[in-house]
Amino acid sequence: MSQPRITYPGACVLQAVARGCRYGFDIMDFAGLPSGTVYPILRRYEALGLLRSDWEETDNAHAKGRPRRRNYELTLDGEAALQRAAERFALHQRIFAPEEAQG
């Protein structure tokens, strides 16, 4: 199977999950991305096997007075994809660094 292409927003979503963000709104806040970007990425990456998810217990959500959350976690493939993306975007970061920092 070929390695999926990870976009910058996709890498931000993977990084959010890697840093402990588990559900959509938390991921959106961490990544600074809108729901129309985050939720399609979550669905696509789950279908590709980069993420897995499960629904929290109904009783837990209702005890907190809110709907159930779908919680996400990285798979081993997701961790590898995030590492590749981080390496690629680190190279890009040098392009945008101030000239004095490139020295």
N, C-alpha and C. Protein backbone atom coordinates (compact mmCIF):
# COMPACT_ATOMS: atom_id res chain seq x y z
N MET A 1 0.85 -1.19 0.00
CA MET A 1 0.00 0.00 0.00
C MET A 1 0.89 1.24 0.00
N SER A 2 0.55 2.21 -0.83
CA SER A 2 1.36 3.42 -0.91
C SER A 2 1.09 4.30 0.31
N GLN A 3 2.05 5.16 0.59
CA GLN A 3 1.92 6.05 1.73
C GLN A 3 0.99 7.21 1.36
N PRO A 4 0.02 7.51 2.22
CA PRO A 4 -0.90 8.60 1.90
C PRO A 4 -0.20 9.94 1.92
N ARG A 5 -0.68 10.84 1.11
CA ARG A 5 -0.15 12.21 1.08
C ARG A 5 -0.72 12.96 2.27
N ILE A 6 0.15 13.53 3.06
CA ILE A 6 -0.27 14.27 4.24
C ILE A 6 -0.10 15.76 3.96
N THR A 7 -1.20 16.48 3.95
CA THR A 7 -1.17 17.92 3.74
C THR A 7 -0.77 18.61 5.05
N TYR A 8 -0.49 19.89 4.96
CA TYR A 8 -0.16 20.64 6.17
C TYR A 8 -1.31 20.60 7.18
N PRO A 9 -2.57 20.88 6.76
CA PRO A 9 -3.66 20.77 7.74
C PRO A 9 -3.78 19.35 8.29
N GLY A 10 -3.55 18.36 7.44
CA GLY A 10 -3.60 16.97 7.91
C GLY A 10 -2.54 16.68 8.94
N ALA A 11 -1.35 17.21 8.73
CA ALA A 11 -0.27 17.04 9.70
C ALA A 11 -0.63 17.73 11.02
N CYS A 12 -1.29 18.88 10.94
CA CYS A 12 -1.72 19.57 12.16
C CYS A 12 -2.73 18.73 12.93
N VAL A 13 -3.63 18.08 12.23
CA VAL A 13 -4.62 17.21 12.88
C VAL A 13 -3.92 16.02 13.53
N LEU A 14 -3.02 15.38 12.81
CA LEU A 14 -2.28 14.25 13.38
C LEU A 14 -1.48 14.69 14.61
N GLN A 15 -0.87 15.86 14.52
CA GLN A 15 -0.08 16.37 15.65
C GLN A 15 -0.98 16.64 16.85
N ALA A 16 -2.16 17.17 16.60
CA ALA A 16 -3.10 17.43 17.70
C ALA A 16 -3.45 16.13 18.41
N VAL A 17 -3.72 15.10 17.65
CA VAL A 17 -4.06 13.80 18.26
C VAL A 17 -2.85 13.24 19.00
N ALA A 18 -1.66 13.38 18.39
CA ALA A 18 -0.44 12.90 19.04
C ALA A 18 -0.18 13.61 20.35
N ARG A 19 -0.60 14.87 20.45
CA ARG A 19 -0.38 15.66 21.67
C ARG A 19 -1.49 15.49 22.71
N GLY A 20 -2.44 14.59 22.42
CA GLY A 20 -3.45 14.28 23.42
C GLY A 20 -4.84 14.81 23.16
N CYS A 21 -5.04 15.53 22.08
CA CYS A 21 -6.39 15.98 21.73
C CYS A 21 -7.14 14.76 21.20
N ARG A 22 -8.31 14.49 21.73
CA ARG A 22 -9.00 13.24 21.39
C ARG A 22 -10.27 13.42 20.58
N TYR A 23 -10.90 14.55 20.65
CA TYR A 23 -12.18 14.72 19.96
C TYR A 23 -12.15 15.98 19.11
N GLY A 24 -13.12 16.09 18.21
CA GLY A 24 -13.13 17.11 17.17
C GLY A 24 -12.89 18.53 17.62
N PHE A 25 -13.67 19.03 18.59
CA PHE A 25 -13.51 20.43 18.99
C PHE A 25 -12.14 20.70 19.60
N ASP A 26 -11.65 19.74 20.36
CA ASP A 26 -10.33 19.88 20.96
C ASP A 26 -9.25 19.93 19.87
N ILE A 27 -9.40 19.09 18.87
CA ILE A 27 -8.46 19.06 17.73
C ILE A 27 -8.52 20.38 16.97
N MET A 28 -9.75 20.88 16.74
CA MET A 28 -9.92 22.16 16.04
C MET A 28 -9.22 23.29 16.79
N ASP A 29 -9.39 23.33 18.11
CA ASP A 29 -8.77 24.39 18.92
C ASP A 29 -7.25 24.31 18.84
N PHE A 30 -6.70 23.11 19.00
CA PHE A 30 -5.25 22.94 18.99
C PHE A 30 -4.66 23.32 17.63
N ALA A 31 -5.30 22.84 16.56
CA ALA A 31 -4.76 23.03 15.21
C ALA A 31 -5.11 24.39 14.61
N GLY A 32 -6.10 25.07 15.18
CA GLY A 32 -6.52 26.36 14.63
C GLY A 32 -7.18 26.21 13.27
N LEU A 33 -7.91 25.11 13.10
CA LEU A 33 -8.57 24.82 11.83
C LEU A 33 -10.08 24.72 12.04
N PRO A 34 -10.87 25.06 11.01
CA PRO A 34 -12.32 25.00 11.13
C PRO A 34 -12.83 23.56 11.02
N SER A 35 -14.06 23.36 11.47
CA SER A 35 -14.67 22.02 11.45
C SER A 35 -14.75 21.46 10.03
N GLY A 36 -14.99 22.32 9.04
CA GLY A 36 -15.08 21.87 7.65
C GLY A 36 -13.78 21.34 7.10
N THR A 37 -12.68 21.60 7.80
CA THR A 37 -11.38 21.05 7.44
C THR A 37 -11.06 19.83 8.30
N VAL A 38 -11.30 19.94 9.60
CA VAL A 38 -10.90 18.89 10.54
C VAL A 38 -11.69 17.60 10.35
N TYR A 39 -13.01 17.70 10.30
CA TYR A 39 -13.81 16.47 10.27
C TYR A 39 -13.60 15.64 8.99
N PRO A 40 -13.49 16.25 7.82
CA PRO A 40 -13.16 15.42 6.64
C PRO A 40 -11.79 14.74 6.76
N ILE A 41 -10.82 15.45 7.35
CA ILE A 41 -9.49 14.85 7.55
C ILE A 41 -9.60 13.66 8.50
N LEU A 42 -10.32 13.83 9.60
CA LEU A 42 -10.48 12.73 10.55
C LEU A 42 -11.11 11.51 9.88
N ARG A 43 -12.16 11.72 9.10
CA ARG A 43 -12.81 10.59 8.40
C ARG A 43 -11.86 9.93 7.41
N ARG A 44 -11.16 10.76 6.63
CA ARG A 44 -10.25 10.22 5.62
C ARG A 44 -9.09 9.46 6.26
N TYR A 45 -8.51 10.01 7.30
CA TYR A 45 -7.37 9.35 7.94
C TYR A 45 -7.80 8.08 8.68
N GLU A 46 -9.01 8.07 9.18
CA GLU A 46 -9.49 6.83 9.79
C GLU A 46 -9.68 5.75 8.72
N ALA A 47 -10.24 6.13 7.58
CA ALA A 47 -10.42 5.18 6.48
C ALA A 47 -9.08 4.65 5.97
N LEU A 48 -8.04 5.49 6.05
CA LEU A 48 -6.70 5.08 5.61
C LEU A 48 -5.94 4.30 6.68
N GLY A 49 -6.50 4.21 7.87
CA GLY A 49 -5.85 3.48 8.94
C GLY A 49 -4.82 4.27 9.72
N LEU A 50 -4.81 5.59 9.56
CA LEU A 50 -3.88 6.44 10.31
C LEU A 50 -4.41 6.77 11.70
N LEU A 51 -5.72 6.75 11.83
CA LEU A 51 -6.40 7.00 13.09
C LEU A 51 -7.42 5.90 13.34
N ARG A 52 -7.75 5.71 14.60
CA ARG A 52 -8.90 4.88 14.95
C ARG A 52 -9.73 5.67 15.94
N SER A 53 -11.00 5.34 16.01
CA SER A 53 -11.88 6.09 16.90
C SER A 53 -12.88 5.17 17.57
N ASP A 54 -13.44 5.68 18.65
CA ASP A 54 -14.57 5.03 19.29
C ASP A 54 -15.39 6.10 19.99
N TRP A 55 -16.64 5.76 20.25
CA TRP A 55 -17.54 6.68 20.91
C TRP A 55 -17.40 6.52 22.42
N GLU A 56 -17.43 7.63 23.12
CA GLU A 56 -17.40 7.55 24.57
C GLU A 56 -18.72 6.97 25.07
N GLU A 57 -18.72 6.51 26.30
CA GLU A 57 -19.91 5.94 26.90
C GLU A 57 -21.00 7.01 27.03
N THR A 58 -22.21 6.63 26.71
CA THR A 58 -23.35 7.54 26.77
C THR A 58 -23.53 8.11 28.17
N ASP A 59 -23.42 7.25 29.18
CA ASP A 59 -23.62 7.71 30.57
C ASP A 59 -22.60 8.78 30.95
N ASN A 60 -21.37 8.62 30.51
CA ASN A 60 -20.32 9.60 30.82
C ASN A 60 -20.66 10.96 30.22
N ALA A 61 -21.07 10.96 28.96
CA ALA A 61 -21.42 12.22 28.29
C ALA A 61 -22.64 12.86 28.93
N HIS A 62 -23.67 12.06 29.19
CA HIS A 62 -24.90 12.62 29.77
C HIS A 62 -24.66 13.15 31.17
N ALA A 63 -23.77 12.51 31.93
CA ALA A 63 -23.44 12.99 33.27
C ALA A 63 -22.80 14.38 33.21
N LYS A 64 -22.17 14.67 32.08
CA LYS A 64 -21.53 15.98 31.90
C LYS A 64 -22.43 16.95 31.12
N GLY A 65 -23.64 16.49 30.80
CA GLY A 65 -24.62 17.36 30.15
C GLY A 65 -24.31 17.70 28.70
N ARG A 66 -23.75 16.76 27.98
CA ARG A 66 -23.40 17.01 26.58
C ARG A 66 -23.57 15.73 25.76
N PRO A 67 -23.57 15.87 24.43
CA PRO A 67 -23.62 14.67 23.58
C PRO A 67 -22.33 13.86 23.69
N ARG A 68 -22.41 12.61 23.28
CA ARG A 68 -21.22 11.76 23.26
C ARG A 68 -20.18 12.33 22.30
N ARG A 69 -18.92 12.10 22.63
CA ARG A 69 -17.81 12.51 21.76
C ARG A 69 -17.21 11.28 21.09
N ARG A 70 -16.77 11.50 19.87
CA ARG A 70 -16.01 10.46 19.17
C ARG A 70 -14.54 10.76 19.46
N ASN A 71 -13.86 9.81 20.07
CA ASN A 71 -12.47 10.00 20.47
C ASN A 71 -11.54 9.32 19.47
N TYR A 72 -10.47 10.01 19.11
CA TYR A 72 -9.51 9.54 18.11
C TYR A 72 -8.17 9.25 18.76
N GLU A 73 -7.45 8.30 18.17
CA GLU A 73 -6.07 8.03 18.56
C GLU A 73 -5.29 7.62 17.33
N LEU A 74 -3.99 7.89 17.36
CA LEU A 74 -3.10 7.52 16.26
C LEU A 74 -2.86 6.02 16.25
N THR A 75 -2.77 5.46 15.06
CA THR A 75 -2.32 4.09 14.90
C THR A 75 -0.82 4.14 14.67
N LEU A 76 -0.18 2.99 14.57
CA LEU A 76 1.24 2.96 14.25
C LEU A 76 1.49 3.58 12.87
N ASP A 77 0.60 3.30 11.91
CA ASP A 77 0.73 3.93 10.59
C ASP A 77 0.58 5.44 10.69
N GLY A 78 -0.31 5.89 11.55
CA GLY A 78 -0.50 7.32 11.76
C GLY A 78 0.73 7.98 12.36
N GLU A 79 1.38 7.30 13.30
CA GLU A 79 2.61 7.82 13.89
C GLU A 79 3.70 7.94 12.84
N ALA A 80 3.81 6.93 11.98
CA ALA A 80 4.82 6.97 10.91
C ALA A 80 4.52 8.09 9.92
N ALA A 81 3.24 8.26 9.57
CA ALA A 81 2.85 9.33 8.64
C ALA A 81 3.14 10.70 9.23
N LEU A 82 2.88 10.86 10.53
CA LEU A 82 3.17 12.13 11.19
C LEU A 82 4.66 12.41 11.19
N GLN A 83 5.47 11.41 11.43
CA GLN A 83 6.92 11.58 11.43
C GLN A 83 7.41 12.02 10.05
N ARG A 84 6.92 11.37 9.00
CA ARG A 84 7.31 11.76 7.63
C ARG A 84 6.89 13.19 7.33
N ALA A 85 5.67 13.54 7.73
CA ALA A 85 5.18 14.90 7.48
C ALA A 85 5.99 15.92 8.26
N ALA A 86 6.32 15.62 9.51
CA ALA A 86 7.10 16.55 10.33
C ALA A 86 8.47 16.79 9.71
N GLU A 87 9.08 15.75 9.19
CA GLU A 87 10.38 15.91 8.53
C GLU A 87 10.25 16.77 7.27
N ARG A 88 9.22 16.51 6.49
CA ARG A 88 9.02 17.28 5.26
C ARG A 88 8.74 18.74 5.56
N PHE A 89 7.88 19.02 6.52
CA PHE A 89 7.53 20.41 6.82
C PHE A 89 8.66 21.13 7.54
N ALA A 90 9.52 20.42 8.25
CA ALA A 90 10.69 21.05 8.86
C ALA A 90 11.62 21.59 7.78
N LEU A 91 11.74 20.86 6.68
CA LEU A 91 12.55 21.35 5.56
C LEU A 91 11.93 22.61 4.96
N HIS A 92 10.61 22.64 4.87
CA HIS A 92 9.91 23.81 4.32
C HIS A 92 10.06 25.01 5.24
N GLN A 93 10.13 24.77 6.53
CA GLN A 93 10.21 25.86 7.49
C GLN A 93 11.44 26.73 7.23
N ARG A 94 12.52 26.13 6.77
CA ARG A 94 13.73 26.91 6.49
C ARG A 94 13.50 27.94 5.40
N ILE A 95 12.62 27.66 4.48
CA ILE A 95 12.35 28.59 3.39
C ILE A 95 11.76 29.89 3.93
N PHE A 96 10.95 29.79 4.99
CA PHE A 96 10.25 30.95 5.52
C PHE A 96 10.95 31.59 6.71
N ALA A 97 12.08 31.04 7.12
CA ALA A 97 12.82 31.62 8.23
C ALA A 97 13.45 32.95 7.79
N PRO A 98 13.57 33.89 8.70
CA PRO A 98 14.24 35.16 8.35
C PRO A 98 15.66 34.86 7.85
N GLU A 99 16.14 35.69 6.95
CA GLU A 99 17.47 35.46 6.36
C GLU A 99 18.56 35.35 7.41
N GLU A 100 18.50 36.18 8.45
CA GLU A 100 19.54 36.14 9.48
C GLU A 100 19.54 34.80 10.23
N ALA A 101 18.39 34.13 10.30
CA ALA A 101 18.30 32.83 10.99
C ALA A 101 18.83 31.70 10.11
N GLN A 102 18.93 31.94 8.79
CA GLN A 102 19.37 30.89 7.88
C GLN A 102 20.89 30.76 7.87
N GLY A 103 21.58 31.79 8.30
CA GLY A 103 23.01 31.94 8.35
C GLY A 103 23.83 30.77 8.26
